[in-house]
C-alpha atoms as a PDB file:
ATOM      1  CA  ILE A   1      56.639 -43.699 -30.406  1.00  0.00           C
ATOM      2  CA  GLU A   2      53.057 -42.888 -29.535  1.00  0.00           C
ATOM      3  CA  ASP A   3      52.210 -42.656 -25.879  1.00  0.00           C
ATOM      4  CA  GLU A   4      49.668 -44.980 -24.328  1.00  0.00           C
ATOM      5  CA  ASN A   5      47.807 -44.227 -21.124  1.00  0.00           C
ATOM      6  CA  ASP A   6      49.397 -47.069 -19.177  1.00  0.00           C
ATOM      7  CA  ASN A   7      50.506 -45.297 -15.979  1.00  0.00           C
ATOM      8  CA  GLN A   8      48.467 -44.901 -12.826  1.00  0.00           C
ATOM      9  CA  PRO A   9      48.382 -41.458 -11.197  1.00  0.00           C
ATOM     10  CA  ILE A  10      50.988 -41.311  -8.404  1.00  0.00           C
ATOM     11  CA  PRO A  11      50.089 -39.358  -5.237  1.00  0.00           C
ATOM     12  CA  GLU A  12      52.798 -37.211  -3.669  1.00  0.00           C
ATOM     13  CA  ALA A  13      52.264 -39.023  -0.342  1.00  0.00           C
ATOM     14  CA  PRO A  14      50.956 -42.544   0.367  1.00  0.00           C
ATOM     15  CA  GLU A  15      48.378 -41.039   2.732  1.00  0.00           C
ATOM     16  CA  TYR A  16      47.502 -37.651   4.149  1.00  0.00           C
ATOM     17  CA  CYS A  17      46.569 -36.400   7.619  1.00  0.00           C
ATOM     18  CA  PHE A  18      45.491 -32.885   8.504  1.00  0.00           C
ATOM     19  CA  HIS A  19      43.847 -31.047  11.401  1.00  0.00           C
ATOM     20  CA  VAL A  20      40.681 -28.963  11.254  1.00  0.00           C
ATOM     21  CA  THR A  21      39.344 -26.987  14.201  1.00  0.00           C
ATOM     22  CA  GLU A  22      35.599 -27.215  14.621  1.00  0.00           C
ATOM     23  CA  ASN A  23      33.723 -24.043  13.658  1.00  0.00           C
ATOM     24  CA  THR A  24      36.418 -23.218  11.092  1.00  0.00           C
ATOM     25  CA  PRO A  25      34.982 -20.620   8.679  1.00  0.00           C
ATOM     26  CA  ILE A  26      33.455 -22.008   5.506  1.00  0.00           C
ATOM     27  CA  HIS A  27      35.615 -22.364   2.392  1.00  0.00           C
ATOM     28  CA  THR A  28      38.851 -22.454   4.430  1.00  0.00           C
ATOM     29  CA  ILE A  29      41.588 -24.469   2.721  1.00  0.00           C
ATOM     30  CA  VAL A  30      42.783 -27.132   5.156  1.00  0.00           C
ATOM     31  CA  ALA A  31      44.940 -29.482   3.038  1.00  0.00           C
ATOM     32  CA  THR A  32      46.079 -30.247  -0.500  1.00  0.00           C
ATOM     33  CA  VAL A  33      46.237 -33.693  -2.081  1.00  0.00           C
ATOM     34  CA  THR A  34      48.592 -33.663  -5.055  1.00  0.00           C
ATOM     35  CA  GLY A  35      49.917 -36.214  -7.510  1.00  0.00           C
ATOM     36  CA  ARG A  36      51.402 -36.698 -10.981  1.00  0.00           C
ATOM     37  CA  ASP A  37      51.016 -38.920 -14.015  1.00  0.00           C
ATOM     38  CA  ARG A  38      54.071 -40.150 -15.935  1.00  0.00           C
ATOM     39  CA  ASP A  39      52.236 -40.410 -19.251  1.00  0.00           C
ATOM     40  CA  ALA A  40      53.139 -37.774 -21.846  1.00  0.00           C
ATOM     41  CA  THR A  41      49.519 -37.094 -22.719  1.00  0.00           C
ATOM     42  CA  GLY A  42      46.316 -37.369 -20.741  1.00  0.00           C
ATOM     43  CA  ASN A  43      48.232 -36.646 -17.556  1.00  0.00           C
ATOM     44  CA  ARG A  44      45.995 -33.900 -16.213  1.00  0.00           C
ATOM     45  CA  LEU A  45      44.542 -35.130 -12.892  1.00  0.00           C
ATOM     46  CA  HIS A  46      40.991 -34.823 -11.626  1.00  0.00           C
ATOM     47  CA  HIS A  47      40.491 -34.914  -7.829  1.00  0.00           C
ATOM     48  CA  ALA A  48      37.288 -36.071  -6.148  1.00  0.00           C
ATOM     49  CA  ILE A  49      36.153 -37.124  -2.663  1.00  0.00           C
ATOM     50  CA  ALA A  50      34.732 -40.586  -3.269  1.00  0.00           C
ATOM     51  CA  SER A  51      33.576 -41.487   0.247  1.00  0.00           C
ATOM     52  CA  GLY A  52      33.968 -40.794   3.949  1.00  0.00           C
ATOM     53  CA  ASP A  53      32.016 -37.534   4.055  1.00  0.00           C
ATOM     54  CA  PRO A  54      28.418 -38.285   3.051  1.00  0.00           C
ATOM     55  CA  ASP A  55      27.082 -35.021   4.502  1.00  0.00           C
ATOM     56  CA  GLY A  56      29.537 -32.876   2.562  1.00  0.00           C
ATOM     57  CA  TYR A  57      31.478 -30.996   5.229  1.00  0.00           C
ATOM     58  CA  PHE A  58      34.523 -30.969   2.942  1.00  0.00           C
ATOM     59  CA  ILE A  59      34.945 -30.043  -0.715  1.00  0.00           C
ATOM     60  CA  ILE A  60      37.913 -30.571  -3.017  1.00  0.00           C
ATOM     61  CA  ASN A  61      39.046 -28.509  -5.978  1.00  0.00           C
ATOM     62  CA  PRO A  62      38.953 -30.982  -8.888  1.00  0.00           C
ATOM     63  CA  SER A  63      41.955 -29.360 -10.590  1.00  0.00           C
ATOM     64  CA  THR A  64      44.307 -28.429  -7.719  1.00  0.00           C
ATOM     65  CA  GLY A  65      43.374 -31.011  -5.078  1.00  0.00           C
ATOM     66  CA  GLN A  66      42.895 -28.349  -2.409  1.00  0.00           C
ATOM     67  CA  ILE A  67      40.566 -29.571   0.325  1.00  0.00           C
ATOM     68  CA  ALA A  68      38.419 -26.914   2.002  1.00  0.00           C
ATOM     69  CA  THR A  69      35.511 -26.682   4.388  1.00  0.00           C
ATOM     70  CA  SER A  70      32.164 -26.500   2.635  1.00  0.00           C
ATOM     71  CA  ASP A  71      29.142 -24.290   3.337  1.00  0.00           C
ATOM     72  CA  ARG A  72      28.425 -26.385   6.434  1.00  0.00           C
ATOM     73  CA  LEU A  73      30.182 -25.516   9.691  1.00  0.00           C
ATOM     74  CA  ILE A  74      31.868 -28.470  11.386  1.00  0.00           C
ATOM     75  CA  ASP A  75      30.720 -29.287  14.909  1.00  0.00           C
ATOM     76  CA  ARG A  76      32.943 -31.938  16.498  1.00  0.00           C
ATOM     77  CA  GLU A  77      30.161 -33.093  18.796  1.00  0.00           C
ATOM     78  CA  THR A  78      27.497 -33.680  16.104  1.00  0.00           C
ATOM     79  CA  SER A  79      28.915 -33.575  12.569  1.00  0.00           C
ATOM     80  CA  PHE A  80      30.732 -36.917  12.514  1.00  0.00           C
ATOM     81  CA  LEU A  81      29.525 -39.990  14.406  1.00  0.00           C
ATOM     82  CA  ASP A  82      31.010 -43.466  14.663  1.00  0.00           C
ATOM     83  CA  VAL A  83      29.140 -46.744  14.199  1.00  0.00           C
ATOM     84  CA  HIS A  84      27.844 -46.449  17.769  1.00  0.00           C
ATOM     85  CA  GLY A  85      26.430 -42.983  17.171  1.00  0.00           C
ATOM     86  CA  LEU A  86      29.092 -41.264  19.288  1.00  0.00           C
ATOM     87  CA  PRO A  87      31.136 -38.214  18.222  1.00  0.00           C
ATOM     88  CA  THR A  88      34.393 -39.133  16.497  1.00  0.00           C
ATOM     89  CA  ASP A  89      37.475 -36.970  16.130  1.00  0.00           C
ATOM     90  CA  GLU A  90      38.712 -38.549  12.905  1.00  0.00           C
ATOM     91  CA  VAL A  91      37.154 -38.454   9.445  1.00  0.00           C
ATOM     92  CA  HIS A  92      38.584 -40.879   6.895  1.00  0.00           C
ATOM     93  CA  LEU A  93      38.251 -39.516   3.377  1.00  0.00           C
ATOM     94  CA  VAL A  94      38.745 -41.623   0.262  1.00  0.00           C
ATOM     95  CA  ILE A  95      39.989 -39.459  -2.604  1.00  0.00           C
ATOM     96  CA  HIS A  96      40.220 -40.475  -6.257  1.00  0.00           C
ATOM     97  CA  LEU A  97      42.989 -39.178  -8.516  1.00  0.00           C
ATOM     98  CA  THR A  98      41.856 -39.770 -12.096  1.00  0.00           C
ATOM     99  CA  ASP A  99      43.912 -38.942 -15.172  1.00  0.00           C
ATOM    100  CA  SER A 100      42.475 -37.561 -18.432  1.00  0.00           C
ATOM    101  CA  GLY A 101      43.654 -40.374 -20.697  1.00  0.00           C
ATOM    102  CA  GLU A 102      41.537 -42.862 -22.623  1.00  0.00           C
ATOM    103  CA  PRO A 103      40.611 -45.073 -20.961  1.00  0.00           C
ATOM    104  CA  SER A 104      41.199 -43.136 -17.719  1.00  0.00           C
ATOM    105  CA  LYS A 105      43.028 -44.598 -14.747  1.00  0.00           C
ATOM    106  CA  THR A 106      42.246 -43.884 -11.100  1.00  0.00           C
ATOM    107  CA  THR A 107      44.367 -44.097  -7.937  1.00  0.00           C
ATOM    108  CA  VAL A 108      42.817 -44.165  -4.473  1.00  0.00           C
ATOM    109  CA  VAL A 109      44.315 -41.908  -1.790  1.00  0.00           C
ATOM    110  CA  HIS A 110      43.358 -41.971   1.899  1.00  0.00           C
ATOM    111  CA  ALA A 111      43.238 -38.741   3.887  1.00  0.00           C
ATOM    112  CA  THR A 112      42.416 -38.451   7.591  1.00  0.00           C
ATOM    113  CA  ALA A 113      40.931 -35.229   8.924  1.00  0.00           C
ATOM    114  CA  VAL A 114      41.421 -34.824  12.689  1.00  0.00           C
ATOM    115  CA  ILE A 115      38.729 -32.576  14.157  1.00  0.00           C
ATOM    116  CA  ASP A 116      40.209 -30.430  16.934  1.00  0.00           C
ATOM    117  CA  ASP A 117      37.906 -29.474  19.756  1.00  0.00           C
ATOM    118  CA  VAL A 118      36.753 -25.995  20.757  1.00  0.00           C
ATOM    119  CA  ASN A 119      35.324 -25.300  24.207  1.00  0.00           C
ATOM    120  CA  ASP A 120      31.833 -24.563  22.881  1.00  0.00           C
ATOM    121  CA  SER A 121      29.486 -27.038  24.596  1.00  0.00           C
ATOM    122  CA  THR A 122      27.415 -26.272  27.685  1.00  0.00           C
ATOM    123  CA  PRO A 123      27.552 -28.870  30.489  1.00  0.00           C
ATOM    124  CA  GLN A 124      24.235 -30.460  31.362  1.00  0.00           C
ATOM    125  CA  PHE A 125      23.044 -32.280  34.456  1.00  0.00           C
ATOM    126  CA  LEU A 126      22.054 -35.916  33.929  1.00  0.00           C
ATOM    127  CA  PHE A 127      18.908 -37.048  35.694  1.00  0.00           C
ATOM    128  CA  THR A 128      17.646 -40.593  36.161  1.00  0.00           C
ATOM    129  CA  ARG A 129      14.340 -41.871  37.465  1.00  0.00           C
ATOM    130  CA  THR A 130      15.946 -43.465  40.506  1.00  0.00           C
ATOM    131  CA  GLU A 131      17.654 -40.235  41.552  1.00  0.00           C
ATOM    132  CA  CYS A 132      15.054 -37.702  40.503  1.00  0.00           C
ATOM    133  CA  GLY A 133      11.951 -38.569  42.440  1.00  0.00           C
ATOM    134  CA  SER A 134      10.184 -35.242  42.221  1.00  0.00           C
ATOM    135  CA  GLU A 135      10.241 -31.835  40.630  1.00  0.00           C
ATOM    136  CA  THR A 136      10.679 -28.416  42.176  1.00  0.00           C
ATOM    137  CA  GLU A 137       7.814 -25.955  42.291  1.00  0.00           C
ATOM    138  CA  GLU A 138       9.275 -24.261  39.220  1.00  0.00           C
ATOM    139  CA  GLY A 139       8.918 -27.530  37.321  1.00  0.00           C
ATOM    140  CA  GLU A 140      12.651 -28.146  36.981  1.00  0.00           C
ATOM    141  CA  GLU A 141      14.181 -31.605  37.257  1.00  0.00           C
ATOM    142  CA  CYS A 142      15.972 -32.441  40.471  1.00  0.00           C
ATOM    143  CA  TYR A 143      17.750 -35.107  42.478  1.00  0.00           C
ATOM    144  CA  HIS A 144      15.869 -36.496  45.461  1.00  0.00           C
ATOM    145  CA  PHE A 145      17.990 -37.649  48.428  1.00  0.00           C
ATOM    146  CA  VAL A 146      16.639 -38.882  51.795  1.00  0.00           C
ATOM    147  CA  HIS A 147      18.595 -38.927  55.074  1.00  0.00           C
ATOM    148  CA  ARG A 148      17.361 -39.142  58.639  1.00  0.00           C
ATOM    149  CA  PRO A 149      18.415 -36.456  61.162  1.00  0.00           C
ATOM    150  CA  SER A 150      19.951 -39.081  63.465  1.00  0.00           C
ATOM    151  CA  GLN A 151      22.525 -39.887  60.781  1.00  0.00           C
ATOM    152  CA  TYR A 152      23.955 -36.386  60.583  1.00  0.00           C
ATOM    153  CA  GLY A 153      27.276 -35.618  62.200  1.00  0.00           C
ATOM    154  CA  SER A 154      30.862 -34.772  61.351  1.00  0.00           C
ATOM    155  CA  ASN A 155      31.473 -38.294  60.009  1.00  0.00           C
ATOM    156  CA  SER A 156      28.050 -38.921  58.505  1.00  0.00           C
ATOM    157  CA  PRO A 157      27.748 -40.502  55.067  1.00  0.00           C
ATOM    158  CA  CYS A 158      27.091 -38.324  52.058  1.00  0.00           C
ATOM    159  CA  LEU A 159      23.692 -38.030  50.463  1.00  0.00           C
ATOM    160  CA  GLY A 160      24.653 -39.081  46.947  1.00  0.00           C
ATOM    161  CA  HIS A 161      26.001 -37.720  43.671  1.00  0.00           C
ATOM    162  CA  VAL A 162      24.842 -35.255  41.081  1.00  0.00           C
ATOM    163  CA  PHE A 163      26.068 -35.991  37.569  1.00  0.00           C
ATOM    164  CA  ALA A 164      26.804 -33.776  34.598  1.00  0.00           C
ATOM    165  CA  ALA A 165      28.232 -34.255  31.123  1.00  0.00           C
ATOM    166  CA  ASP A 166      29.989 -31.955  28.689  1.00  0.00           C
ATOM    167  CA  LEU A 167      30.385 -33.139  25.091  1.00  0.00           C
ATOM    168  CA  ASP A 168      33.642 -31.267  24.609  1.00  0.00           C
ATOM    169  CA  ARG A 169      36.818 -33.330  24.643  1.00  0.00           C
ATOM    170  CA  GLY A 170      39.571 -33.556  27.268  1.00  0.00           C
ATOM    171  CA  ALA A 171      40.056 -30.528  29.485  1.00  0.00           C
ATOM    172  CA  ASN A 172      37.352 -28.686  27.525  1.00  0.00           C
ATOM    173  CA  GLY A 173      34.866 -31.307  28.689  1.00  0.00           C
ATOM    174  CA  SER A 174      35.729 -31.045  32.387  1.00  0.00           C
ATOM    175  CA  VAL A 175      33.149 -29.550  34.724  1.00  0.00           C
ATOM    176  CA  VAL A 176      33.363 -28.161  38.242  1.00  0.00           C
ATOM    177  CA  TYR A 177      30.443 -28.564  40.633  1.00  0.00           C
ATOM    178  CA  GLU A 178      29.646 -25.730  43.002  1.00  0.00           C
ATOM    179  CA  MET A 179      26.895 -24.597  45.297  1.00  0.00           C
ATOM    180  CA  ALA A 180      24.715 -22.245  43.272  1.00  0.00           C
ATOM    181  CA  GLN A 181      23.394 -20.756  46.523  1.00  0.00           C
ATOM    182  CA  PRO A 182      25.057 -20.783  49.966  1.00  0.00           C
ATOM    183  CA  ASP A 183      23.788 -23.634  52.114  1.00  0.00           C
ATOM    184  CA  PRO A 184      24.644 -24.016  55.843  1.00  0.00           C
ATOM    185  CA  PHE A 185      23.982 -27.748  55.891  1.00  0.00           C
ATOM    186  CA  PHE A 186      25.409 -29.197  52.672  1.00  0.00           C
ATOM    187  CA  SER A 187      28.362 -28.918  50.302  1.00  0.00           C
ATOM    188  CA  VAL A 188      29.267 -30.484  46.964  1.00  0.00           C
ATOM    189  CA  ASP A 189      32.620 -31.910  45.929  1.00  0.00           C
ATOM    190  CA  PRO A 190      33.814 -29.846  42.923  1.00  0.00           C
ATOM    191  CA  VAL A 191      35.186 -32.887  41.079  1.00  0.00           C
ATOM    192  CA  SER A 192      32.983 -35.863  41.957  1.00  0.00           C
ATOM    193  CA  GLY A 193      29.655 -34.058  42.448  1.00  0.00           C
ATOM    194  CA  GLN A 194      29.138 -35.799  45.792  1.00  0.00           C
ATOM    195  CA  VAL A 195      26.690 -33.938  48.036  1.00  0.00           C
ATOM    196  CA  CYS A 196      27.574 -34.178  51.731  1.00  0.00           C
ATOM    197  CA  PRO A 197      26.465 -32.665  55.055  1.00  0.00           C
ATOM    198  CA  THR A 198      28.807 -29.985  56.357  1.00  0.00           C
ATOM    199  CA  GLY A 199      28.472 -31.229  59.927  1.00  0.00           C
ATOM    200  CA  THR A 200      25.909 -28.624  60.989  1.00  0.00           C
ATOM    201  CA  PRO A 201      23.376 -30.614  63.057  1.00  0.00           C
ATOM    202  CA  LEU A 202      19.786 -30.926  61.911  1.00  0.00           C
ATOM    203  CA  THR A 203      17.518 -31.188  64.936  1.00  0.00           C
ATOM    204  CA  GLN A 204      14.198 -31.760  63.187  1.00  0.00           C
ATOM    205  CA  PRO A 205      13.096 -33.801  60.168  1.00  0.00           C
ATOM    206  CA  SER A 206      12.959 -31.369  57.278  1.00  0.00           C
ATOM    207  CA  GLU A 207      13.143 -31.016  53.526  1.00  0.00           C
ATOM    208  CA  HIS A 208      15.951 -29.016  51.937  1.00  0.00           C
ATOM    209  CA  LEU A 209      16.182 -27.658  48.421  1.00  0.00           C
ATOM    210  CA  ILE A 210      19.884 -27.688  47.507  1.00  0.00           C
ATOM    211  CA  TRP A 211      21.008 -25.647  44.508  1.00  0.00           C
ATOM    212  CA  VAL A 212      24.052 -27.065  42.761  1.00  0.00           C
ATOM    213  CA  GLY A 213      25.592 -25.294  39.776  1.00  0.00           C
ATOM    214  CA  LEU A 214      28.068 -26.162  37.036  1.00  0.00           C
ATOM    215  CA  GLU A 215      31.076 -24.311  35.741  1.00  0.00           C
ATOM    216  CA  LYS A 216      33.181 -25.332  32.773  1.00  0.00           C
ATOM    217  CA  GLN A 217      36.738 -26.089  33.735  1.00  0.00           C
ATOM    218  CA  LYS A 218      38.904 -23.170  32.618  1.00  0.00           C
ATOM    219  CA  SER A 219      41.435 -24.522  30.142  1.00  0.00           C
ATOM    220  CA  PRO A 220      44.937 -23.104  29.816  1.00  0.00           C
ATOM    221  CA  PRO A 221      45.980 -21.932  26.344  1.00  0.00           C
ATOM    222  CA  ASN A 222      47.001 -24.471  23.704  1.00  0.00           C
ATOM    223  CA  ASN A 223      49.517 -22.156  22.048  1.00  0.00           C
ATOM    224  CA  LEU A 224      52.406 -20.231  23.603  1.00  0.00           C
ATOM    225  CA  THR A 225      55.086 -18.021  22.075  1.00  0.00           C
ATOM    226  CA  VAL A 226      58.592 -17.849  23.579  1.00  0.00           C
ATOM    227  CA  SER A 227      61.257 -15.414  22.411  1.00  0.00           C
ATOM    228  CA  PRO A 228      65.010 -16.206  22.273  1.00  0.00           C
ATOM    229  CA  ARG A 229      65.322 -13.293  24.714  1.00  0.00           C
ATOM    230  CA  THR A 230      63.129 -15.050  27.295  1.00  0.00           C
ATOM    231  CA  PRO A 231      65.383 -15.774  30.309  1.00  0.00           C
ATOM    232  CA  PRO A 232      65.772 -19.332  31.641  1.00  0.00           C
ATOM    233  CA  GLY A 233      63.568 -20.009  34.633  1.00  0.00           C
ATOM    234  CA  THR A 234      60.550 -18.222  33.161  1.00  0.00           C
ATOM    235  CA  VAL A 235      57.309 -20.044  34.043  1.00  0.00           C
ATOM    236  CA  LEU A 236      55.335 -20.721  30.863  1.00  0.00           C
ATOM    237  CA  TYR A 237      52.495 -22.980  31.937  1.00  0.00           C
ATOM    238  CA  ASN A 238      50.731 -23.671  35.238  1.00  0.00           C
ATOM    239  CA  ILE A 239      49.211 -27.071  36.038  1.00  0.00           C
ATOM    240  CA  GLU A 240      46.809 -27.724  38.897  1.00  0.00           C
ATOM    241  CA  VAL A 241      44.652 -30.729  39.694  1.00  0.00           C
ATOM    242  CA  VAL A 242      41.259 -29.419  40.833  1.00  0.00           C
ATOM    243  CA  PRO A 243      40.743 -30.181  44.551  1.00  0.00           C
ATOM    244  CA  GLY A 244      38.373 -33.047  45.144  1.00  0.00           C
ATOM    245  CA  ALA A 245      38.230 -36.608  46.370  1.00  0.00           C
ATOM    246  CA  SER A 246      41.915 -37.178  45.509  1.00  0.00           C
ATOM    247  CA  SER A 247      43.193 -33.759  46.547  1.00  0.00           C
ATOM    248  CA  LYS A 248      45.606 -35.219  49.130  1.00  0.00           C
ATOM    249  CA  ALA A 249      47.156 -37.711  46.731  1.00  0.00           C
ATOM    250  CA  ASN A 250      50.554 -37.128  45.140  1.00  0.00           C
ATOM    251  CA  TRP A 251      50.014 -36.638  41.431  1.00  0.00           C
ATOM    252  CA  ALA A 252      52.838 -37.298  38.976  1.00  0.00           C
ATOM    253  CA  PHE A 253      53.591 -34.613  36.361  1.00  0.00           C
ATOM    254  CA  ARG A 254      55.589 -35.045  33.163  1.00  0.00           C
ATOM    255  CA  ILE A 255      56.233 -33.480  29.768  1.00  0.00           C
ATOM    256  CA  ALA A 256      57.240 -35.013  26.432  1.00  0.00           C
ATOM    257  CA  ASP A 257      58.605 -32.860  23.585  1.00  0.00           C
ATOM    258  CA  ASN A 258      58.611 -33.756  19.903  1.00  0.00           C
ATOM    259  CA  ILE A 259      62.206 -32.438  19.819  1.00  0.00           C
ATOM    260  CA  GLU A 260      64.716 -34.593  21.685  1.00  0.00           C
ATOM    261  CA  SER A 261      66.859 -31.834  23.187  1.00  0.00           C
ATOM    262  CA  THR A 262      63.981 -29.929  24.737  1.00  0.00           C
ATOM    263  CA  PRO A 263      64.693 -26.551  26.342  1.00  0.00           C
ATOM    264  CA  PHE A 264      61.680 -26.928  28.632  1.00  0.00           C
ATOM    265  CA  GLY A 265      61.413 -28.502  32.058  1.00  0.00           C
ATOM    266  CA  ILE A 266      58.682 -29.302  34.574  1.00  0.00           C
ATOM    267  CA  ALA A 267      58.822 -28.626  38.305  1.00  0.00           C
ATOM    268  CA  THR A 268      56.447 -30.063  40.901  1.00  0.00           C
ATOM    269  CA  LEU A 269      55.357 -27.437  43.438  1.00  0.00           C
ATOM    270  CA  SER A 270      53.018 -29.529  45.587  1.00  0.00           C
ATOM    271  CA  SER A 271      50.975 -32.728  45.505  1.00  0.00           C
ATOM    272  CA  ASN A 272      48.602 -31.228  42.938  1.00  0.00           C
ATOM    273  CA  LYS A 273      50.518 -28.319  41.342  1.00  0.00           C
ATOM    274  CA  ALA A 274      53.358 -28.055  38.839  1.00  0.00           C
ATOM    275  CA  VAL A 275      54.771 -25.595  36.301  1.00  0.00           C
ATOM    276  CA  VAL A 276      56.387 -25.885  32.882  1.00  0.00           C
ATOM    277  CA  TYR A 277      59.367 -23.543  32.632  1.00  0.00           C
ATOM    278  CA  LEU A 278      62.145 -22.554  30.246  1.00  0.00           C
ATOM    279  CA  GLN A 279      65.350 -24.254  31.403  1.00  0.00           C
ATOM    280  CA  GLN A 280      67.646 -22.869  28.678  1.00  0.00           C
ATOM    281  CA  ARG A 281      67.506 -20.060  26.153  1.00  0.00           C
ATOM    282  CA  LEU A 282      66.108 -20.801  22.713  1.00  0.00           C
ATOM    283  CA  ASN A 283      68.548 -20.826  19.805  1.00  0.00           C
ATOM    284  CA  PRO A 284      67.828 -17.665  17.763  1.00  0.00           C
ATOM    285  CA  VAL A 285      69.122 -19.346  14.572  1.00  0.00           C
ATOM    286  CA  PHE A 286      66.684 -22.244  14.536  1.00  0.00           C
ATOM    287  CA  GLU A 287      62.958 -21.612  14.767  1.00  0.00           C
ATOM    288  CA  SER A 288      61.243 -24.794  15.909  1.00  0.00           C
ATOM    289  CA  LEU A 289      57.698 -25.761  16.753  1.00  0.00           C
ATOM    290  CA  HIS A 290      57.656 -27.680  20.030  1.00  0.00           C
ATOM    291  CA  GLU A 291      54.699 -29.977  20.600  1.00  0.00           C
ATOM    292  CA  LEU A 292      54.626 -30.652  24.342  1.00  0.00           C
ATOM    293  CA  ASN A 293      52.432 -33.346  25.844  1.00  0.00           C
ATOM    294  CA  VAL A 294      51.800 -32.308  29.437  1.00  0.00           C
ATOM    295  CA  GLY A 295      50.749 -35.337  31.458  1.00  0.00           C
ATOM    296  CA  VAL A 296      49.210 -35.832  34.896  1.00  0.00           C
ATOM    297  CA  SER A 297      48.768 -39.267  36.436  1.00  0.00           C
ATOM    298  CA  LEU A 298      47.781 -40.979  39.671  1.00  0.00           C
ATOM    299  CA  GLY A 299      48.108 -44.746  39.461  1.00  0.00           C
ATOM    300  CA  SER A 300      45.928 -45.885  36.555  1.00  0.00           C
ATOM    301  CA  LEU A 301      44.332 -42.426  36.228  1.00  0.00           C
ATOM    302  CA  ALA A 302      46.049 -40.316  33.594  1.00  0.00           C
ATOM    303  CA  THR A 303      45.355 -37.405  31.288  1.00  0.00           C
ATOM    304  CA  THR A 304      47.436 -35.392  28.830  1.00  0.00           C
ATOM    305  CA  ARG A 305      47.146 -32.028  27.125  1.00  0.00           C
ATOM    306  CA  LYS A 306      49.026 -30.898  24.023  1.00  0.00           C
ATOM    307  CA  VAL A 307      50.646 -27.448  24.084  1.00  0.00           C
ATOM    308  CA  SER A 308      52.329 -25.875  21.037  1.00  0.00           C
ATOM    309  CA  ILE A 309      55.256 -23.549  21.782  1.00  0.00           C
ATOM    310  CA  THR A 310      56.947 -21.461  19.099  1.00  0.00           C
END
């Protein structure tokens, strides 16, 4: 019985998903798409990226199906954009598995590359024409606020807001506002960027140049290692909501583990502080990767951060 090329290539998985950290070195293998062909002859498979990566940030070995980063470094903020021109974290690759028979047959495989963020962007102030009415003597952009001396007092309204943006994602994209130079009359809220009088009276009409600076929010580590010898009660992870407009509110803290019988617990220390701790010893026989989602919420406001513990 002579074989006929009548079987489609069969991928090992119906679809693939893998993670790539931005700035990963070039030619790093990040995933492998494999398959087989049931025909006796012409069953050698050829792998190719058909679509989803027009700028060529990924390459695939045509023989082995290994996907690697190309000669171009991946930047999460600029390399991949959605239909609205905004950075996207997911790249959907269409891969063709083609056998070597005559005529050849091709199977389409979908692979999603999730681009993990690195804290590599610099926060920038955002200026608008309505808020920036003049420039400093050095020619730098500024915000222009006007208040009359009679309005100042311990309960006086604030001047307005300064705004900044950081293209990094999640906690990496958080910024903290601070006074770049000490000022006896004004302060800035570290979270909201609201500029307010400190209560020091101003007796004469005057113009003040207020220097406000930015600092990237310091992010806790994404990866932790815990030994079976680590005693229960050991604090592994500290959580704190940066003081600001909602500093007196009672935030809710929670954790979710990918393993049902989690050995980790969370304890609330105050209205804006909590810790993740080890509540029972790890089993030395079983080595598991715990993917914890640490969540903080206040009403409809919520944010989460993933922490890997091995």
